[in-house]
């Protein structure tokens, strides 16, 4: 039996600043989509305003099976293509999607208690919403600032993390 019913999280690349428009078109087709938005304050010369901006510019996540794959992108204004990795659509794990959702609700900011790692060290996150992900220590200034690499998406996510939630690892093989 083939896997036409199996659903995968894939990533659609959109035109710049078209993320919300593309998301709305896809959702109207009853396709499960996820557009992580961050609330920020924009300043103009005469006013300030809270606005929601995409966490990842020009990216939308869709949970589709093989039959819905083309339906999600075909005829959707502003949708460019799927992100590919090694010649196949890049799949994002359910764990990574959940980690992104959790990070939107409660960004982690914890003070450092001791310096067990140095800038440039490779670490694995051992607890919390990013558990199981690997990253590189990019900054130590009162907190560990950690870059978590999402290899399938060719992007990084910067987080601040408690030193008790990481362990030092050897440099991983290039993927």
C-alpha atoms as a PDB file:
ATOM      1  CA  UNK A   1       0.000   0.000   0.000  1.00  0.00           C
ATOM      2  CA  UNK A   2       1.335   3.450  -0.868  1.00  0.00           C
ATOM      3  CA  UNK A   3       1.508   6.368   1.530  1.00  0.00           C
ATOM      4  CA  UNK A   4      -0.890   8.811  -0.160  1.00  0.00           C
ATOM      5  CA  UNK A   5      -2.706   9.291   3.171  1.00  0.00           C
ATOM      6  CA  UNK A   6       0.487   9.959   5.169  1.00  0.00           C
ATOM      7  CA  UNK A   7       0.758  13.593   6.201  1.00  0.00           C
ATOM      8  CA  UNK A   8       4.034  15.502   6.369  1.00  0.00           C
ATOM      9  CA  UNK A   9       4.835  19.031   7.432  1.00  0.00           C
ATOM     10  CA  UNK A  10       6.338  20.753   4.383  1.00  0.00           C
ATOM     11  CA  UNK A  11       7.532  24.319   3.855  1.00  0.00           C
ATOM     12  CA  UNK A  12       6.182  26.625   1.164  1.00  0.00           C
ATOM     13  CA  UNK A  13       8.290  29.606   0.094  1.00  0.00           C
ATOM     14  CA  UNK A  14       6.229  32.738  -0.523  1.00  0.00           C
ATOM     15  CA  UNK A  15       6.872  36.047  -2.164  1.00  0.00           C
ATOM     16  CA  UNK A  16       8.335  38.565   0.304  1.00  0.00           C
ATOM     17  CA  UNK A  17       5.659  39.988   2.639  1.00  0.00           C
ATOM     18  CA  UNK A  18       2.966  37.649   1.242  1.00  0.00           C
ATOM     19  CA  UNK A  19       2.992  35.148   4.112  1.00  0.00           C
ATOM     20  CA  UNK A  20      -0.402  36.122   5.603  1.00  0.00           C
ATOM     21  CA  UNK A  21      -2.107  36.324   2.199  1.00  0.00           C
ATOM     22  CA  UNK A  22      -0.814  32.898   1.165  1.00  0.00           C
ATOM     23  CA  UNK A  23      -1.717  31.427   4.558  1.00  0.00           C
ATOM     24  CA  UNK A  24      -5.319  32.702   4.282  1.00  0.00           C
ATOM     25  CA  UNK A  25      -5.714  31.266   0.771  1.00  0.00           C
ATOM     26  CA  UNK A  26      -4.427  27.850   1.875  1.00  0.00           C
ATOM     27  CA  UNK A  27      -6.626  27.729   4.990  1.00  0.00           C
ATOM     28  CA  UNK A  28      -9.700  28.580   2.862  1.00  0.00           C
ATOM     29  CA  UNK A  29      -9.004  25.332   0.975  1.00  0.00           C
ATOM     30  CA  UNK A  30      -9.289  23.396   4.275  1.00  0.00           C
ATOM     31  CA  UNK A  31      -5.585  22.565   4.286  1.00  0.00           C
ATOM     32  CA  UNK A  32      -3.830  22.515   7.658  1.00  0.00           C
ATOM     33  CA  UNK A  33      -1.277  25.349   7.657  1.00  0.00           C
ATOM     34  CA  UNK A  34       0.884  27.027  10.283  1.00  0.00           C
ATOM     35  CA  UNK A  35       2.249  30.562  10.098  1.00  0.00           C
ATOM     36  CA  UNK A  36       4.208  31.442  13.250  1.00  0.00           C
ATOM     37  CA  UNK A  37       3.743  35.139  14.013  1.00  0.00           C
ATOM     38  CA  UNK A  38       5.626  37.353  16.463  1.00  0.00           C
ATOM     39  CA  UNK A  39       4.107  40.498  17.969  1.00  0.00           C
ATOM     40  CA  UNK A  40       6.387  43.501  17.754  1.00  0.00           C
ATOM     41  CA  UNK A  41       6.044  47.267  18.026  1.00  0.00           C
ATOM     42  CA  UNK A  42       6.591  49.279  14.853  1.00  0.00           C
ATOM     43  CA  UNK A  43       7.491  52.950  15.241  1.00  0.00           C
ATOM     44  CA  UNK A  44       6.634  55.679  12.806  1.00  0.00           C
ATOM     45  CA  UNK A  45       7.328  59.391  13.183  1.00  0.00           C
ATOM     46  CA  UNK A  46       3.790  60.054  14.452  1.00  0.00           C
ATOM     47  CA  UNK A  47       2.783  56.805  16.232  1.00  0.00           C
ATOM     48  CA  UNK A  48       3.597  53.352  17.515  1.00  0.00           C
ATOM     49  CA  UNK A  49       1.626  50.229  16.680  1.00  0.00           C
ATOM     50  CA  UNK A  50       1.721  46.560  17.674  1.00  0.00           C
ATOM     51  CA  UNK A  51       1.963  44.369  14.589  1.00  0.00           C
ATOM     52  CA  UNK A  52       2.329  40.655  13.980  1.00  0.00           C
ATOM     53  CA  UNK A  53       5.198  39.665  11.723  1.00  0.00           C
ATOM     54  CA  UNK A  54       6.202  36.182  10.526  1.00  0.00           C
ATOM     55  CA  UNK A  55       8.840  34.391  12.589  1.00  0.00           C
ATOM     56  CA  UNK A  56      10.338  33.048   9.349  1.00  0.00           C
ATOM     57  CA  UNK A  57      10.250  35.448   6.406  1.00  0.00           C
ATOM     58  CA  UNK A  58       8.716  33.965   3.246  1.00  0.00           C
ATOM     59  CA  UNK A  59       7.946  30.553   4.839  1.00  0.00           C
ATOM     60  CA  UNK A  60       4.636  28.828   5.622  1.00  0.00           C
ATOM     61  CA  UNK A  61       4.307  25.317   7.025  1.00  0.00           C
ATOM     62  CA  UNK A  62       1.612  22.991   5.631  1.00  0.00           C
ATOM     63  CA  UNK A  63       0.567  19.546   6.849  1.00  0.00           C
ATOM     64  CA  UNK A  64      -0.362  17.707   3.643  1.00  0.00           C
ATOM     65  CA  UNK A  65      -0.523  14.278   2.077  1.00  0.00           C
ATOM     66  CA  UNK A  66       0.685  13.568  -1.468  1.00  0.00           C
ATOM     67  CA  UNK A  67      -2.689  14.420  -2.992  1.00  0.00           C
ATOM     68  CA  UNK A  68      -2.925  17.787  -1.204  1.00  0.00           C
ATOM     69  CA  UNK A  69       0.670  18.763  -1.938  1.00  0.00           C
ATOM     70  CA  UNK A  70      -0.084  20.367  -5.312  1.00  0.00           C
ATOM     71  CA  UNK A  71      -3.484  21.642  -4.196  1.00  0.00           C
ATOM     72  CA  UNK A  72      -1.827  23.752  -1.489  1.00  0.00           C
ATOM     73  CA  UNK A  73       0.425  25.606  -3.917  1.00  0.00           C
ATOM     74  CA  UNK A  74      -1.344  25.473  -7.287  1.00  0.00           C
ATOM     75  CA  UNK A  75      -3.370  28.621  -7.943  1.00  0.00           C
ATOM     76  CA  UNK A  76      -2.265  30.209  -4.663  1.00  0.00           C
ATOM     77  CA  UNK A  77      -1.189  33.762  -5.407  1.00  0.00           C
ATOM     78  CA  UNK A  78       2.158  34.520  -3.800  1.00  0.00           C
ATOM     79  CA  UNK A  79       3.143  30.872  -3.239  1.00  0.00           C
ATOM     80  CA  UNK A  80       6.419  30.280  -5.062  1.00  0.00           C
ATOM     81  CA  UNK A  81       7.412  26.648  -4.425  1.00  0.00           C
ATOM     82  CA  UNK A  82       8.248  24.066  -1.788  1.00  0.00           C
ATOM     83  CA  UNK A  83      11.599  24.132  -0.018  1.00  0.00           C
ATOM     84  CA  UNK A  84      13.638  21.113  -1.153  1.00  0.00           C
ATOM     85  CA  UNK A  85      16.390  19.243   0.684  1.00  0.00           C
ATOM     86  CA  UNK A  86      18.437  16.578  -1.141  1.00  0.00           C
ATOM     87  CA  UNK A  87      16.058  16.661  -4.105  1.00  0.00           C
ATOM     88  CA  UNK A  88      12.911  16.029  -2.041  1.00  0.00           C
ATOM     89  CA  UNK A  89      10.467  18.376  -0.304  1.00  0.00           C
ATOM     90  CA  UNK A  90      11.947  19.316   3.076  1.00  0.00           C
ATOM     91  CA  UNK A  91       9.994  17.617   5.841  1.00  0.00           C
ATOM     92  CA  UNK A  92       9.715  19.229   9.252  1.00  0.00           C
ATOM     93  CA  UNK A  93       9.109  16.916  12.195  1.00  0.00           C
ATOM     94  CA  UNK A  94       6.080  17.282  14.429  1.00  0.00           C
ATOM     95  CA  UNK A  95       8.545  17.894  17.292  1.00  0.00           C
ATOM     96  CA  UNK A  96      10.074  20.891  15.475  1.00  0.00           C
ATOM     97  CA  UNK A  97       6.609  22.334  14.737  1.00  0.00           C
ATOM     98  CA  UNK A  98       5.625  21.901  18.396  1.00  0.00           C
ATOM     99  CA  UNK A  99       8.896  23.507  19.525  1.00  0.00           C
ATOM    100  CA  UNK A 100       8.180  26.539  17.361  1.00  0.00           C
ATOM    101  CA  UNK A 101       4.627  26.773  18.770  1.00  0.00           C
ATOM    102  CA  UNK A 102       5.922  26.541  22.344  1.00  0.00           C
ATOM    103  CA  UNK A 103       8.604  29.160  21.702  1.00  0.00           C
ATOM    104  CA  UNK A 104       5.887  31.571  20.560  1.00  0.00           C
ATOM    105  CA  UNK A 105       4.064  31.172  23.900  1.00  0.00           C
ATOM    106  CA  UNK A 106       6.988  31.259  26.310  1.00  0.00           C
ATOM    107  CA  UNK A 107      10.422  32.365  25.149  1.00  0.00           C
ATOM    108  CA  UNK A 108      13.105  31.039  27.490  1.00  0.00           C
ATOM    109  CA  UNK A 109      15.334  33.488  29.337  1.00  0.00           C
ATOM    110  CA  UNK A 110      17.358  32.118  32.213  1.00  0.00           C
ATOM    111  CA  UNK A 111      20.546  33.503  33.816  1.00  0.00           C
ATOM    112  CA  UNK A 112      23.829  31.577  33.605  1.00  0.00           C
ATOM    113  CA  UNK A 113      25.143  30.125  36.843  1.00  0.00           C
ATOM    114  CA  UNK A 114      28.490  28.830  35.597  1.00  0.00           C
ATOM    115  CA  UNK A 115      30.539  28.737  32.392  1.00  0.00           C
ATOM    116  CA  UNK A 116      30.663  25.070  31.386  1.00  0.00           C
ATOM    117  CA  UNK A 117      30.757  25.745  27.642  1.00  0.00           C
ATOM    118  CA  UNK A 118      32.453  28.265  25.394  1.00  0.00           C
ATOM    119  CA  UNK A 119      31.417  30.186  22.316  1.00  0.00           C
ATOM    120  CA  UNK A 120      31.540  27.862  19.295  1.00  0.00           C
ATOM    121  CA  UNK A 121      30.853  24.671  21.281  1.00  0.00           C
ATOM    122  CA  UNK A 122      28.307  22.214  19.876  1.00  0.00           C
ATOM    123  CA  UNK A 123      25.561  21.275  22.322  1.00  0.00           C
ATOM    124  CA  UNK A 124      22.424  19.153  22.498  1.00  0.00           C
ATOM    125  CA  UNK A 125      19.349  20.495  24.286  1.00  0.00           C
ATOM    126  CA  UNK A 126      18.381  17.960  26.954  1.00  0.00           C
ATOM    127  CA  UNK A 127      15.083  19.368  28.246  1.00  0.00           C
ATOM    128  CA  UNK A 128      12.409  21.919  27.489  1.00  0.00           C
ATOM    129  CA  UNK A 129      10.572  22.635  24.243  1.00  0.00           C
ATOM    130  CA  UNK A 130      13.718  22.294  22.104  1.00  0.00           C
ATOM    131  CA  UNK A 131      14.769  18.921  23.580  1.00  0.00           C
ATOM    132  CA  UNK A 132      16.721  16.760  21.137  1.00  0.00           C
ATOM    133  CA  UNK A 133      17.828  19.642  18.915  1.00  0.00           C
ATOM    134  CA  UNK A 134      21.501  20.430  18.376  1.00  0.00           C
ATOM    135  CA  UNK A 135      23.015  23.876  18.177  1.00  0.00           C
ATOM    136  CA  UNK A 136      26.085  26.049  18.517  1.00  0.00           C
ATOM    137  CA  UNK A 137      26.805  28.453  21.381  1.00  0.00           C
ATOM    138  CA  UNK A 138      26.959  31.824  19.633  1.00  0.00           C
ATOM    139  CA  UNK A 139      27.200  34.137  22.626  1.00  0.00           C
ATOM    140  CA  UNK A 140      27.793  34.052  26.373  1.00  0.00           C
ATOM    141  CA  UNK A 141      26.749  37.267  28.097  1.00  0.00           C
ATOM    142  CA  UNK A 142      24.828  36.586  31.298  1.00  0.00           C
ATOM    143  CA  UNK A 143      22.899  33.882  29.433  1.00  0.00           C
ATOM    144  CA  UNK A 144      23.759  31.250  26.852  1.00  0.00           C
ATOM    145  CA  UNK A 145      22.603  32.485  23.493  1.00  0.00           C
ATOM    146  CA  UNK A 146      22.257  29.384  21.374  1.00  0.00           C
ATOM    147  CA  UNK A 147      21.705  29.028  17.646  1.00  0.00           C
ATOM    148  CA  UNK A 148      19.596  25.951  16.878  1.00  0.00           C
ATOM    149  CA  UNK A 149      20.116  24.755  13.320  1.00  0.00           C
ATOM    150  CA  UNK A 150      17.101  23.355  11.486  1.00  0.00           C
ATOM    151  CA  UNK A 151      19.071  21.598   8.753  1.00  0.00           C
ATOM    152  CA  UNK A 152      16.034  20.598   6.689  1.00  0.00           C
ATOM    153  CA  UNK A 153      15.011  24.250   6.377  1.00  0.00           C
ATOM    154  CA  UNK A 154      18.496  25.731   5.999  1.00  0.00           C
ATOM    155  CA  UNK A 155      17.702  28.232   8.752  1.00  0.00           C
ATOM    156  CA  UNK A 156      18.557  28.976  12.361  1.00  0.00           C
ATOM    157  CA  UNK A 157      16.595  29.979  15.434  1.00  0.00           C
ATOM    158  CA  UNK A 158      18.279  31.973  18.222  1.00  0.00           C
ATOM    159  CA  UNK A 159      17.197  31.169  21.787  1.00  0.00           C
ATOM    160  CA  UNK A 160      18.428  31.955  25.292  1.00  0.00           C
ATOM    161  CA  UNK A 161      18.701  28.820  27.419  1.00  0.00           C
ATOM    162  CA  UNK A 162      19.562  27.576  30.913  1.00  0.00           C
ATOM    163  CA  UNK A 163      22.964  25.849  31.120  1.00  0.00           C
ATOM    164  CA  UNK A 164      21.306  22.953  32.958  1.00  0.00           C
ATOM    165  CA  UNK A 165      19.301  22.182  29.802  1.00  0.00           C
ATOM    166  CA  UNK A 166      22.249  21.488  27.495  1.00  0.00           C
ATOM    167  CA  UNK A 167      25.136  19.062  27.181  1.00  0.00           C
ATOM    168  CA  UNK A 168      28.294  19.512  25.154  1.00  0.00           C
ATOM    169  CA  UNK A 169      28.635  17.186  22.144  1.00  0.00           C
ATOM    170  CA  UNK A 170      31.173  16.534  19.395  1.00  0.00           C
ATOM    171  CA  UNK A 171      30.780  18.475  16.161  1.00  0.00           C
ATOM    172  CA  UNK A 172      28.062  16.666  14.152  1.00  0.00           C
ATOM    173  CA  UNK A 173      28.750  15.417  10.622  1.00  0.00           C
ATOM    174  CA  UNK A 174      27.610  17.793   7.882  1.00  0.00           C
ATOM    175  CA  UNK A 175      24.160  16.870   6.657  1.00  0.00           C
END
